Amino acid sequence: MLRTLKITAARKNLTSMHKTLRIDETIAVTNRDKKVLAVMRWEKYDAIRETLSILEDEALVKQLKRSLKEAREGKLIALEKIESEGGA
């Protein structure tokens, strides 16, 4: 969910925003009707940063795509089998 707040209101409410901001919410801070900042909970920022880090790793993205393709094709291995082989 995106909420918009003028920069003057954001400045006034900055010290209390963390109390009411939900994990699924982002505040677009505007200055003269132009979006200039995004305010979000740290957990959301950290998840976005982690996702970007994964997407920058070409080998990891290739492995993820291959794994998703195998899952769609039903080429799954039961967790019990992995555990019995000492893989988990």
Protein backbone atom coordinates (compact mmCIF):
# COMPACT_ATOMS: atom_id res chain seq x y z
CA MET A 1 0.00 0.00 0.00
CA LEU A 2 1.32 3.43 -0.94
CA ARG A 3 0.50 6.49 1.08
CA THR A 4 1.57 10.00 0.06
CA LEU A 5 2.76 12.64 2.50
CA LYS A 6 4.05 16.12 1.86
CA ILE A 7 7.61 16.70 3.01
CA THR A 8 6.53 19.22 5.65
CA ALA A 9 4.14 16.68 7.21
CA ALA A 10 6.79 13.95 6.98
CA ARG A 11 9.30 16.15 8.78
CA LYS A 12 6.79 16.81 11.54
CA ASN A 13 5.83 13.14 11.95
CA LEU A 14 9.17 11.42 11.31
CA THR A 15 9.88 10.48 14.92
CA SER A 16 6.55 8.67 15.31
CA MET A 17 6.09 7.11 11.85
CA HIS A 18 7.65 3.82 12.92
CA LYS A 19 4.81 3.27 15.40
CA THR A 20 2.06 3.20 12.77
CA LEU A 21 3.77 2.17 9.54
CA ARG A 22 2.80 -1.37 8.52
CA ILE A 23 5.20 -3.80 6.85
CA ASP A 24 3.19 -3.71 3.61
CA GLU A 25 3.04 0.08 3.51
CA THR A 26 5.35 2.64 1.93
CA ILE A 27 5.09 6.39 2.30
CA ALA A 28 5.91 8.46 -0.77
CA VAL A 29 7.22 11.77 0.51
CA THR A 30 6.56 14.60 -1.93
CA ASN A 31 8.06 18.01 -2.43
CA ARG A 32 6.02 20.29 -4.68
CA ASP A 33 3.95 17.28 -5.80
CA LYS A 34 7.04 15.33 -6.92
CA LYS A 35 7.94 12.07 -5.14
CA VAL A 36 11.38 12.57 -3.59
CA LEU A 37 11.69 9.94 -0.84
CA ALA A 38 10.28 6.58 0.15
CA VAL A 39 9.77 5.71 3.81
CA MET A 40 9.27 2.06 4.74
CA ARG A 41 9.86 -0.32 7.62
CA TRP A 42 13.43 -1.59 7.84
CA GLU A 43 12.30 -5.20 7.38
CA LYS A 44 10.79 -4.32 3.99
CA TYR A 45 13.89 -2.39 2.91
CA ASP A 46 16.11 -5.27 4.00
CA ALA A 47 14.00 -7.76 2.01
CA ILE A 48 14.21 -5.56 -1.09
CA ARG A 49 17.97 -5.20 -0.67
CA GLU A 50 18.37 -8.95 -0.27
CA THR A 51 16.23 -9.61 -3.37
CA LEU A 52 18.33 -7.20 -5.42
CA SER A 53 21.48 -8.89 -4.20
CA ILE A 54 20.16 -12.27 -5.36
CA LEU A 55 19.11 -10.88 -8.73
CA GLU A 56 22.61 -9.45 -9.27
CA ASP A 57 24.13 -12.92 -8.86
CA GLU A 58 23.79 -14.45 -12.34
CA ALA A 59 24.73 -17.97 -11.21
CA LEU A 60 22.17 -17.90 -8.41
CA VAL A 61 19.42 -16.62 -10.73
CA LYS A 62 20.26 -19.37 -13.22
CA GLN A 63 20.03 -22.00 -10.47
CA LEU A 64 16.74 -20.54 -9.23
CA LYS A 65 15.24 -20.62 -12.73
CA ARG A 66 16.38 -24.23 -13.18
CA SER A 67 14.89 -25.19 -9.81
CA LEU A 68 11.56 -23.54 -10.65
CA LYS A 69 11.47 -25.33 -14.00
CA GLU A 70 12.16 -28.67 -12.32
CA ALA A 71 9.41 -27.99 -9.77
CA ARG A 72 6.91 -27.20 -12.54
CA GLU A 73 7.90 -30.46 -14.24
CA GLY A 74 7.29 -32.38 -11.01
CA LYS A 75 10.94 -33.25 -10.51
CA LEU A 76 10.75 -32.86 -6.74
CA ILE A 77 12.62 -34.79 -4.07
CA ALA A 78 10.80 -35.63 -0.85
CA LEU A 79 12.16 -33.90 2.23
CA GLU A 80 12.32 -37.24 4.01
CA LYS A 81 14.69 -38.57 1.33
CA ILE A 82 16.97 -35.55 1.64
CA GLU A 83 16.99 -35.89 5.43
CA SER A 84 17.73 -39.62 5.27
CA GLU A 85 20.70 -38.92 3.00
CA GLY A 86 22.02 -36.32 5.43
CA GLY A 87 21.29 -33.35 3.18
CA ALA A 88 19.17 -31.35 5.60
